[in-house]
């Protein structure tokens, strides 16, 4: 993962973050306030979800998050993480599901699988609104040709007044 910043009206040459030499890091994602950078990191032969915090203008040492990791994540303003994980006990094309790990008292809680309103046909690459009022994700329909607009379509689900997710809807041809 590289970074650059504006100095004297010009972007400086990209530099590698100091915390990642000799490691393979993927899927960087900033928190809505820009104070945390989340990423996947291959350490000791396996991928782990990590984050670094910015303090006094500098990035601190990475910290590991104990969540299953195999995809992009998205982070709400309150620190809750939304991510996709595979369920090896379920066979078929829809064995990837969206989970949420709540951030409480400085720690991430055990992940909970989101409802079937989102997970009924599989999902990938989540984006959670900073206030968690909606979530956008894509579904890969290339194996079964059920996509409305193409092989991968974007879907959206809203949180209703009871805090439950609405049935995910295809975002239509204007988006897809």
N, C-alpha and C. Protein backbone atom coordinates (compact mmCIF):
# COMPACT_ATOMS: atom_id res chain seq x y z
N UNK A 1 0.86 -1.17 0.00
CA UNK A 1 0.00 0.00 0.00
C UNK A 1 0.90 1.23 0.00
N UNK A 2 0.65 2.12 -0.94
CA UNK A 2 1.44 3.34 -1.08
C UNK A 2 0.57 4.55 -0.74
N UNK A 3 1.21 5.66 -0.45
CA UNK A 3 0.50 6.90 -0.18
C UNK A 3 1.23 8.06 -0.83
N UNK A 4 0.51 9.13 -1.00
CA UNK A 4 1.08 10.38 -1.48
C UNK A 4 0.33 11.50 -0.80
N UNK A 5 0.93 12.65 -0.72
CA UNK A 5 0.24 13.80 -0.14
C UNK A 5 0.65 15.06 -0.90
N UNK A 6 -0.19 16.06 -0.75
CA UNK A 6 0.04 17.33 -1.42
C UNK A 6 1.00 18.17 -0.57
N UNK A 7 2.09 18.61 -1.21
CA UNK A 7 3.04 19.52 -0.56
C UNK A 7 3.35 20.64 -1.53
N UNK A 8 3.17 21.87 -1.08
CA UNK A 8 3.42 23.05 -1.91
C UNK A 8 2.69 22.99 -3.25
N UNK A 9 1.43 22.52 -3.18
CA UNK A 9 0.59 22.48 -4.37
C UNK A 9 0.89 21.35 -5.34
N UNK A 10 1.76 20.40 -4.96
CA UNK A 10 2.11 19.28 -5.83
C UNK A 10 2.06 17.98 -5.03
N UNK A 11 1.70 16.91 -5.73
CA UNK A 11 1.69 15.59 -5.09
C UNK A 11 3.13 15.07 -4.99
N UNK A 12 3.50 14.59 -3.81
CA UNK A 12 4.84 14.03 -3.64
C UNK A 12 4.89 12.64 -4.29
N UNK A 13 6.09 12.16 -4.54
CA UNK A 13 6.29 10.82 -5.08
C UNK A 13 5.65 9.80 -4.14
N UNK A 14 4.87 8.83 -4.66
CA UNK A 14 4.26 7.84 -3.78
C UNK A 14 5.30 7.07 -2.97
N UNK A 15 4.97 6.83 -1.71
CA UNK A 15 5.85 6.09 -0.81
C UNK A 15 5.09 4.94 -0.19
N UNK A 16 5.84 3.90 0.13
CA UNK A 16 5.23 2.75 0.79
C UNK A 16 5.03 3.08 2.27
N UNK A 17 3.87 2.67 2.81
CA UNK A 17 3.63 2.87 4.23
C UNK A 17 4.73 2.16 5.02
N UNK A 18 5.19 2.73 6.11
CA UNK A 18 6.30 2.11 6.87
C UNK A 18 5.93 0.80 7.54
N UNK A 19 4.66 0.51 7.71
CA UNK A 19 4.25 -0.70 8.42
C UNK A 19 4.16 -1.93 7.53
N UNK A 20 4.38 -1.80 6.23
CA UNK A 20 4.14 -2.97 5.38
C UNK A 20 5.31 -3.45 4.53
N UNK A 21 6.56 -3.24 4.93
CA UNK A 21 7.62 -3.79 4.06
C UNK A 21 7.59 -5.31 4.06
N UNK A 22 7.86 -5.88 2.91
CA UNK A 22 7.95 -7.34 2.75
C UNK A 22 6.66 -8.07 3.08
N UNK A 23 5.53 -7.41 2.96
CA UNK A 23 4.25 -8.07 3.18
C UNK A 23 3.34 -7.75 2.00
N UNK A 24 2.36 -8.61 1.80
CA UNK A 24 1.39 -8.35 0.74
C UNK A 24 0.12 -7.84 1.40
N UNK A 25 -0.22 -6.61 1.13
CA UNK A 25 -1.44 -6.03 1.68
C UNK A 25 -2.40 -5.69 0.56
N UNK A 26 -3.70 -5.91 0.85
CA UNK A 26 -4.72 -5.73 -0.18
C UNK A 26 -5.94 -5.05 0.42
N UNK A 27 -6.80 -4.57 -0.46
CA UNK A 27 -8.10 -4.01 -0.12
C UNK A 27 -8.05 -2.89 0.94
N UNK A 28 -7.27 -1.85 0.72
CA UNK A 28 -7.28 -0.76 1.71
C UNK A 28 -8.61 -0.03 1.72
N UNK A 29 -9.02 0.41 2.88
CA UNK A 29 -10.28 1.11 3.04
C UNK A 29 -10.17 2.07 4.22
N UNK A 30 -10.44 3.36 3.99
CA UNK A 30 -10.39 4.35 5.05
C UNK A 30 -11.71 4.41 5.81
N UNK A 31 -11.62 4.69 7.09
CA UNK A 31 -12.82 4.97 7.87
C UNK A 31 -13.40 6.30 7.38
N UNK A 32 -14.70 6.54 7.61
CA UNK A 32 -15.30 7.79 7.12
C UNK A 32 -14.60 9.06 7.59
N UNK A 33 -14.00 9.03 8.79
CA UNK A 33 -13.31 10.22 9.28
C UNK A 33 -11.85 10.30 8.84
N UNK A 34 -11.36 9.28 8.12
CA UNK A 34 -9.99 9.28 7.61
C UNK A 34 -8.92 8.99 8.65
N UNK A 35 -9.31 8.64 9.87
CA UNK A 35 -8.34 8.41 10.94
C UNK A 35 -7.86 6.97 11.05
N UNK A 36 -8.53 6.07 10.34
CA UNK A 36 -8.11 4.67 10.32
C UNK A 36 -8.02 4.19 8.88
N UNK A 37 -7.04 3.33 8.65
CA UNK A 37 -6.88 2.66 7.38
C UNK A 37 -6.97 1.16 7.66
N UNK A 38 -7.96 0.51 7.06
CA UNK A 38 -8.16 -0.93 7.20
C UNK A 38 -7.59 -1.60 5.97
N UNK A 39 -7.07 -2.81 6.12
CA UNK A 39 -6.52 -3.53 4.99
C UNK A 39 -6.34 -5.00 5.33
N UNK A 40 -6.26 -5.82 4.29
CA UNK A 40 -5.91 -7.22 4.47
C UNK A 40 -4.41 -7.36 4.37
N UNK A 41 -3.83 -8.21 5.20
CA UNK A 41 -2.39 -8.36 5.21
C UNK A 41 -2.01 -9.83 5.33
N UNK A 42 -1.09 -10.25 4.46
CA UNK A 42 -0.60 -11.62 4.56
C UNK A 42 0.57 -11.63 5.53
N UNK A 43 0.35 -12.25 6.66
CA UNK A 43 1.37 -12.37 7.70
C UNK A 43 1.40 -13.82 8.16
N UNK A 44 2.58 -14.38 8.23
CA UNK A 44 2.74 -15.78 8.64
C UNK A 44 1.92 -16.73 7.77
N UNK A 45 1.80 -16.44 6.48
CA UNK A 45 1.16 -17.35 5.54
C UNK A 45 -0.34 -17.25 5.42
N UNK A 46 -1.00 -16.43 6.22
CA UNK A 46 -2.46 -16.28 6.11
C UNK A 46 -2.82 -14.80 6.08
N UNK A 47 -3.98 -14.53 5.44
CA UNK A 47 -4.46 -13.15 5.42
C UNK A 47 -5.18 -12.83 6.71
N UNK A 48 -4.94 -11.62 7.19
CA UNK A 48 -5.59 -11.13 8.39
C UNK A 48 -6.13 -9.72 8.10
N UNK A 49 -7.18 -9.35 8.79
CA UNK A 49 -7.70 -7.99 8.69
C UNK A 49 -6.94 -7.15 9.71
N UNK A 50 -6.42 -6.03 9.25
CA UNK A 50 -5.61 -5.15 10.10
C UNK A 50 -6.15 -3.72 9.98
N UNK A 51 -5.73 -2.88 10.92
CA UNK A 51 -5.96 -1.45 10.77
C UNK A 51 -4.83 -0.68 11.41
N UNK A 52 -4.62 0.53 10.93
CA UNK A 52 -3.68 1.47 11.54
C UNK A 52 -4.45 2.74 11.82
N UNK A 53 -4.06 3.42 12.87
CA UNK A 53 -4.69 4.70 13.23
C UNK A 53 -3.70 5.83 13.01
N UNK A 54 -4.25 6.99 12.72
CA UNK A 54 -3.44 8.17 12.52
C UNK A 54 -3.41 8.96 13.83
N UNK A 55 -2.22 9.28 14.28
CA UNK A 55 -2.04 10.05 15.51
C UNK A 55 -0.94 11.08 15.28
N UNK A 56 -1.24 12.33 15.55
CA UNK A 56 -0.29 13.42 15.33
C UNK A 56 0.26 13.42 13.90
N UNK A 57 -0.61 13.11 12.95
CA UNK A 57 -0.23 13.15 11.55
C UNK A 57 0.55 11.94 11.05
N UNK A 58 0.79 10.96 11.92
CA UNK A 58 1.55 9.77 11.53
C UNK A 58 0.71 8.51 11.76
N UNK A 59 0.97 7.48 10.95
CA UNK A 59 0.27 6.21 11.10
C UNK A 59 0.98 5.36 12.14
N UNK A 60 0.22 4.82 13.09
CA UNK A 60 0.76 3.97 14.15
C UNK A 60 0.97 2.55 13.64
N UNK A 61 1.45 1.68 14.51
CA UNK A 61 1.65 0.27 14.15
C UNK A 61 0.31 -0.42 13.92
N UNK A 62 0.27 -1.38 12.98
CA UNK A 62 -0.97 -2.09 12.68
C UNK A 62 -1.46 -2.93 13.86
N UNK A 63 -2.78 -3.05 13.92
CA UNK A 63 -3.43 -3.91 14.91
C UNK A 63 -4.31 -4.89 14.15
N UNK A 64 -4.37 -6.11 14.64
CA UNK A 64 -5.17 -7.14 13.98
C UNK A 64 -6.60 -7.10 14.48
N UNK A 65 -7.53 -7.37 13.57
CA UNK A 65 -8.95 -7.50 13.91
C UNK A 65 -9.31 -8.96 13.73
N UNK A 66 -9.92 -9.54 14.73
CA UNK A 66 -10.26 -10.97 14.67
C UNK A 66 -11.59 -11.18 13.97
N UNK A 67 -11.60 -11.04 12.66
CA UNK A 67 -12.77 -11.37 11.86
C UNK A 67 -12.30 -12.23 10.70
N UNK A 68 -13.16 -13.15 10.21
CA UNK A 68 -12.76 -13.93 9.04
C UNK A 68 -12.52 -12.97 7.87
N UNK A 69 -11.45 -13.17 7.16
CA UNK A 69 -11.13 -12.22 6.11
C UNK A 69 -10.94 -12.93 4.77
N UNK A 70 -11.66 -12.50 3.78
CA UNK A 70 -11.38 -12.93 2.42
C UNK A 70 -11.97 -11.97 1.39
N UNK A 71 -12.27 -10.75 1.80
CA UNK A 71 -12.82 -9.82 0.82
C UNK A 71 -12.66 -8.39 1.28
N UNK A 72 -13.13 -7.51 0.43
CA UNK A 72 -13.20 -6.10 0.79
C UNK A 72 -14.08 -5.91 2.01
N UNK A 73 -13.83 -4.86 2.72
CA UNK A 73 -14.68 -4.52 3.86
C UNK A 73 -15.19 -3.11 3.67
N UNK A 74 -16.14 -2.73 4.52
CA UNK A 74 -16.62 -1.37 4.58
C UNK A 74 -16.83 -1.03 6.05
N UNK A 75 -16.58 0.20 6.42
CA UNK A 75 -16.62 0.60 7.82
C UNK A 75 -17.58 1.77 7.99
N UNK A 76 -18.47 1.65 8.98
CA UNK A 76 -19.39 2.73 9.32
C UNK A 76 -18.68 3.74 10.21
N UNK A 77 -19.29 4.90 10.38
CA UNK A 77 -18.69 5.96 11.19
C UNK A 77 -18.47 5.52 12.63
N UNK A 78 -19.30 4.62 13.15
CA UNK A 78 -19.15 4.16 14.53
C UNK A 78 -18.12 3.04 14.67
N UNK A 79 -17.46 2.65 13.56
CA UNK A 79 -16.42 1.63 13.59
C UNK A 79 -16.90 0.24 13.24
N UNK A 80 -18.22 0.02 13.14
CA UNK A 80 -18.72 -1.30 12.78
C UNK A 80 -18.20 -1.68 11.40
N UNK A 81 -17.78 -2.94 11.25
CA UNK A 81 -17.23 -3.44 9.99
C UNK A 81 -18.24 -4.36 9.32
N UNK A 82 -18.40 -4.20 8.02
CA UNK A 82 -19.22 -5.08 7.20
C UNK A 82 -18.28 -5.78 6.23
N UNK A 83 -18.43 -7.08 6.11
CA UNK A 83 -17.52 -7.84 5.26
C UNK A 83 -18.21 -9.11 4.76
N UNK A 84 -17.57 -9.74 3.78
CA UNK A 84 -18.09 -10.97 3.18
C UNK A 84 -17.21 -12.12 3.64
N UNK A 85 -17.83 -13.24 3.98
CA UNK A 85 -17.08 -14.44 4.34
C UNK A 85 -17.79 -15.65 3.76
N UNK A 86 -17.02 -16.66 3.48
CA UNK A 86 -17.55 -17.90 2.92
C UNK A 86 -18.03 -18.81 4.04
N UNK A 87 -19.12 -19.51 3.78
CA UNK A 87 -19.60 -20.54 4.70
C UNK A 87 -19.35 -21.88 4.03
N UNK A 88 -18.27 -22.57 4.41
CA UNK A 88 -17.92 -23.82 3.73
C UNK A 88 -18.93 -24.94 3.93
N UNK A 89 -19.85 -24.79 4.88
CA UNK A 89 -20.85 -25.82 5.12
C UNK A 89 -22.02 -25.73 4.14
N UNK A 90 -22.10 -24.64 3.41
CA UNK A 90 -23.18 -24.46 2.45
C UNK A 90 -22.63 -24.67 1.05
N UNK A 91 -23.22 -25.58 0.32
CA UNK A 91 -22.79 -25.85 -1.05
C UNK A 91 -23.63 -25.04 -2.02
N UNK A 92 -23.07 -24.77 -3.18
CA UNK A 92 -23.80 -24.05 -4.20
C UNK A 92 -23.21 -22.69 -4.46
N UNK A 93 -23.84 -21.95 -5.38
CA UNK A 93 -23.27 -20.66 -5.79
C UNK A 93 -23.40 -19.57 -4.73
N UNK A 94 -24.25 -19.75 -3.74
CA UNK A 94 -24.48 -18.68 -2.76
C UNK A 94 -23.91 -19.04 -1.40
N UNK A 95 -22.60 -19.27 -1.35
CA UNK A 95 -22.00 -19.61 -0.07
C UNK A 95 -21.14 -18.49 0.50
N UNK A 96 -21.25 -17.29 -0.06
CA UNK A 96 -20.61 -16.10 0.50
C UNK A 96 -21.69 -15.22 1.09
N UNK A 97 -21.48 -14.79 2.32
CA UNK A 97 -22.50 -14.04 3.04
C UNK A 97 -21.91 -12.78 3.66
N UNK A 98 -22.78 -11.81 3.88
CA UNK A 98 -22.35 -10.58 4.51
C UNK A 98 -22.51 -10.68 6.02
N UNK A 99 -21.47 -10.19 6.71
CA UNK A 99 -21.44 -10.19 8.16
C UNK A 99 -21.15 -8.78 8.66
N UNK A 100 -21.45 -8.58 9.92
CA UNK A 100 -21.17 -7.31 10.59
C UNK A 100 -20.46 -7.64 11.90
N UNK A 101 -19.40 -6.91 12.17
CA UNK A 101 -18.72 -7.02 13.46
C UNK A 101 -18.81 -5.65 14.12
N UNK A 102 -19.52 -5.59 15.25
CA UNK A 102 -19.72 -4.32 15.95
C UNK A 102 -18.47 -3.92 16.72
N UNK A 103 -18.21 -2.63 16.77
CA UNK A 103 -17.08 -2.07 17.49
C UNK A 103 -17.61 -1.51 18.81
N UNK A 104 -17.26 -2.16 19.91
CA UNK A 104 -17.72 -1.74 21.24
C UNK A 104 -16.55 -1.69 22.21
N UNK A 105 -16.46 -0.60 22.94
CA UNK A 105 -15.42 -0.45 23.97
C UNK A 105 -14.02 -0.77 23.46
N UNK A 106 -13.73 -0.31 22.24
CA UNK A 106 -12.39 -0.48 21.68
C UNK A 106 -12.09 -1.85 21.11
N UNK A 107 -13.10 -2.73 21.01
CA UNK A 107 -12.87 -4.07 20.47
C UNK A 107 -13.97 -4.44 19.48
N UNK A 108 -13.63 -5.35 18.59
CA UNK A 108 -14.61 -5.86 17.64
C UNK A 108 -15.25 -7.12 18.21
N UNK A 109 -16.58 -7.16 18.18
CA UNK A 109 -17.32 -8.29 18.71
C UNK A 109 -17.40 -9.41 17.68
N UNK A 110 -17.80 -10.58 18.13
CA UNK A 110 -17.95 -11.73 17.24
C UNK A 110 -18.89 -11.35 16.11
N UNK A 111 -18.53 -11.66 14.86
CA UNK A 111 -19.36 -11.27 13.72
C UNK A 111 -20.73 -11.93 13.72
N UNK A 112 -21.71 -11.17 13.25
CA UNK A 112 -23.07 -11.71 13.08
C UNK A 112 -23.42 -11.66 11.60
N UNK A 113 -24.04 -12.73 11.12
CA UNK A 113 -24.46 -12.78 9.72
C UNK A 113 -25.70 -11.92 9.54
N UNK A 114 -25.72 -11.10 8.48
CA UNK A 114 -26.87 -10.26 8.21
C UNK A 114 -28.03 -11.13 7.73
N UNK A 115 -29.21 -10.56 7.74
CA UNK A 115 -30.44 -11.30 7.42
C UNK A 115 -30.47 -11.76 5.96
N UNK A 116 -31.39 -12.66 5.69
CA UNK A 116 -31.58 -13.16 4.33
C UNK A 116 -32.11 -12.09 3.38
N UNK A 117 -32.59 -10.97 3.89
CA UNK A 117 -32.99 -9.86 3.02
C UNK A 117 -31.81 -9.41 2.17
N UNK A 118 -30.61 -9.62 2.67
CA UNK A 118 -29.39 -9.29 1.93
C UNK A 118 -28.71 -10.54 1.41
N UNK A 119 -28.67 -11.58 2.22
CA UNK A 119 -27.87 -12.77 1.93
C UNK A 119 -28.58 -13.88 1.16
N UNK A 120 -29.78 -13.65 0.67
CA UNK A 120 -30.53 -14.74 0.03
C UNK A 120 -29.94 -15.22 -1.29
N UNK A 121 -29.18 -14.39 -2.00
CA UNK A 121 -28.60 -14.80 -3.28
C UNK A 121 -27.11 -14.53 -3.34
N UNK A 122 -26.46 -14.45 -2.20
CA UNK A 122 -25.03 -14.19 -2.17
C UNK A 122 -24.74 -12.71 -2.38
N UNK A 123 -23.56 -12.30 -2.01
CA UNK A 123 -23.18 -10.90 -2.17
C UNK A 123 -21.67 -10.74 -2.06
N UNK A 124 -21.18 -9.64 -2.62
CA UNK A 124 -19.76 -9.32 -2.61
C UNK A 124 -19.58 -7.81 -2.45
N UNK A 125 -18.41 -7.41 -2.10
CA UNK A 125 -17.94 -6.02 -2.06
C UNK A 125 -18.95 -5.05 -1.45
N UNK A 126 -19.11 -5.06 -0.14
CA UNK A 126 -20.08 -4.17 0.50
C UNK A 126 -19.60 -2.73 0.61
N UNK A 127 -20.54 -1.82 0.61
CA UNK A 127 -20.30 -0.42 0.99
C UNK A 127 -21.41 -0.03 1.95
N UNK A 128 -21.06 0.26 3.18
CA UNK A 128 -22.05 0.67 4.17
C UNK A 128 -22.05 2.20 4.26
N UNK A 129 -23.22 2.79 4.34
CA UNK A 129 -23.31 4.24 4.55
C UNK A 129 -22.69 4.57 5.90
N UNK A 130 -22.06 5.72 6.06
CA UNK A 130 -21.45 6.06 7.34
C UNK A 130 -22.41 5.93 8.53
N UNK A 131 -23.70 6.23 8.32
CA UNK A 131 -24.68 6.13 9.40
C UNK A 131 -25.41 4.79 9.43
N UNK A 132 -25.00 3.86 8.60
CA UNK A 132 -25.57 2.52 8.48
C UNK A 132 -27.04 2.51 8.05
N UNK A 133 -27.46 3.55 7.35
CA UNK A 133 -28.85 3.62 6.90
C UNK A 133 -29.09 2.80 5.63
N UNK A 134 -28.06 2.52 4.86
CA UNK A 134 -28.18 1.69 3.68
C UNK A 134 -26.87 0.97 3.42
N UNK A 135 -26.95 -0.08 2.62
CA UNK A 135 -25.76 -0.81 2.21
C UNK A 135 -25.90 -1.14 0.73
N UNK A 136 -24.81 -0.97 0.00
CA UNK A 136 -24.75 -1.29 -1.42
C UNK A 136 -23.74 -2.42 -1.57
N UNK A 137 -24.06 -3.37 -2.42
CA UNK A 137 -23.15 -4.49 -2.67
C UNK A 137 -23.44 -5.04 -4.05
N UNK A 138 -22.58 -5.94 -4.52
CA UNK A 138 -22.87 -6.52 -5.82
C UNK A 138 -23.11 -8.01 -5.69
N UNK A 139 -23.81 -8.52 -6.69
CA UNK A 139 -24.07 -9.95 -6.82
C UNK A 139 -23.54 -10.40 -8.17
N UNK A 140 -22.89 -11.53 -8.16
CA UNK A 140 -22.34 -12.11 -9.38
C UNK A 140 -23.34 -13.12 -9.92
N UNK A 141 -23.90 -12.82 -11.08
CA UNK A 141 -24.89 -13.70 -11.70
C UNK A 141 -24.34 -14.41 -12.93
N UNK A 142 -23.03 -14.40 -13.10
CA UNK A 142 -22.46 -14.95 -14.34
C UNK A 142 -22.71 -16.44 -14.50
N UNK A 143 -22.86 -17.17 -13.38
CA UNK A 143 -23.07 -18.61 -13.48
C UNK A 143 -24.51 -19.01 -13.79
N UNK A 144 -25.47 -18.11 -13.51
CA UNK A 144 -26.86 -18.53 -13.64
C UNK A 144 -27.73 -17.59 -14.48
N UNK A 145 -27.14 -16.54 -15.02
CA UNK A 145 -27.85 -15.61 -15.90
C UNK A 145 -29.16 -15.06 -15.32
N UNK A 146 -29.19 -14.79 -14.01
CA UNK A 146 -30.40 -14.19 -13.45
C UNK A 146 -30.24 -12.69 -13.22
N UNK A 147 -29.06 -12.15 -13.52
CA UNK A 147 -28.84 -10.73 -13.33
C UNK A 147 -29.73 -9.91 -14.24
N UNK A 148 -30.23 -8.80 -13.73
CA UNK A 148 -31.10 -7.96 -14.54
C UNK A 148 -30.33 -7.19 -15.61
N UNK A 149 -29.12 -6.77 -15.29
CA UNK A 149 -28.41 -5.88 -16.19
C UNK A 149 -27.10 -6.45 -16.72
N UNK A 150 -26.56 -7.47 -16.08
CA UNK A 150 -25.28 -8.02 -16.52
C UNK A 150 -24.81 -9.11 -15.58
N UNK A 151 -23.54 -9.45 -15.70
CA UNK A 151 -23.00 -10.51 -14.87
C UNK A 151 -22.93 -10.12 -13.40
N UNK A 152 -22.58 -8.88 -13.12
CA UNK A 152 -22.53 -8.39 -11.75
C UNK A 152 -23.37 -7.13 -11.65
N UNK A 153 -24.36 -7.15 -10.78
CA UNK A 153 -25.25 -6.01 -10.60
C UNK A 153 -25.11 -5.46 -9.19
N UNK A 154 -25.26 -4.15 -9.06
CA UNK A 154 -25.27 -3.53 -7.74
C UNK A 154 -26.68 -3.59 -7.16
N UNK A 155 -26.74 -3.88 -5.87
CA UNK A 155 -27.99 -3.96 -5.12
C UNK A 155 -27.90 -3.01 -3.94
N UNK A 156 -29.07 -2.62 -3.44
CA UNK A 156 -29.13 -1.74 -2.28
C UNK A 156 -30.19 -2.26 -1.31
N UNK A 157 -29.91 -2.11 -0.04
CA UNK A 157 -30.85 -2.46 1.02
C UNK A 157 -30.83 -1.31 2.02
N UNK A 158 -32.00 -0.96 2.52
CA UNK A 158 -32.12 0.13 3.50
C UNK A 158 -32.48 -0.44 4.86
N UNK A 159 -32.08 0.27 5.89
CA UNK A 159 -32.47 -0.11 7.24
C UNK A 159 -33.83 0.53 7.51
N UNK A 160 -34.80 -0.28 7.92
CA UNK A 160 -36.14 0.26 8.16
C UNK A 160 -36.23 0.85 9.57
N UNK A 161 -37.42 1.35 9.95
CA UNK A 161 -37.58 2.04 11.23
C UNK A 161 -37.36 1.12 12.43
N UNK A 162 -37.41 -0.21 12.21
CA UNK A 162 -37.16 -1.17 13.29
C UNK A 162 -35.71 -1.65 13.31
N UNK A 163 -34.89 -1.09 12.43
CA UNK A 163 -33.48 -1.48 12.38
C UNK A 163 -33.20 -2.71 11.56
N UNK A 164 -34.22 -3.22 10.87
CA UNK A 164 -34.05 -4.41 10.03
C UNK A 164 -33.72 -3.99 8.60
N UNK A 165 -33.02 -4.88 7.87
CA UNK A 165 -32.69 -4.60 6.47
C UNK A 165 -33.86 -4.94 5.57
N UNK A 166 -34.15 -4.07 4.61
CA UNK A 166 -35.19 -4.33 3.62
C UNK A 166 -34.64 -5.32 2.59
N UNK A 167 -35.55 -5.95 1.86
CA UNK A 167 -35.15 -6.87 0.79
C UNK A 167 -34.28 -6.11 -0.20
N UNK A 168 -33.12 -6.66 -0.52
CA UNK A 168 -32.19 -6.01 -1.44
C UNK A 168 -32.84 -5.86 -2.82
N UNK A 169 -32.62 -4.67 -3.42
CA UNK A 169 -33.18 -4.39 -4.75
C UNK A 169 -32.05 -4.09 -5.72
N UNK A 170 -32.21 -4.59 -6.92
CA UNK A 170 -31.30 -4.28 -8.00
C UNK A 170 -31.38 -2.78 -8.26
N UNK A 171 -30.24 -2.12 -8.43
CA UNK A 171 -30.22 -0.67 -8.60
C UNK A 171 -30.59 -0.24 -10.02
N UNK A 172 -30.83 -1.18 -10.91
CA UNK A 172 -31.39 -0.86 -12.22
C UNK A 172 -30.39 -0.42 -13.27
N UNK A 173 -30.90 -0.19 -14.49
CA UNK A 173 -30.03 0.09 -15.64
C UNK A 173 -29.29 1.43 -15.54
N UNK A 174 -29.79 2.39 -14.80
CA UNK A 174 -29.09 3.67 -14.67
C UNK A 174 -27.76 3.52 -13.94
N UNK A 175 -27.65 2.50 -13.11
CA UNK A 175 -26.43 2.21 -12.35
C UNK A 175 -25.70 1.03 -12.96
N UNK A 176 -26.45 -0.03 -13.25
CA UNK A 176 -25.83 -1.25 -13.73
C UNK A 176 -25.65 -1.21 -15.24
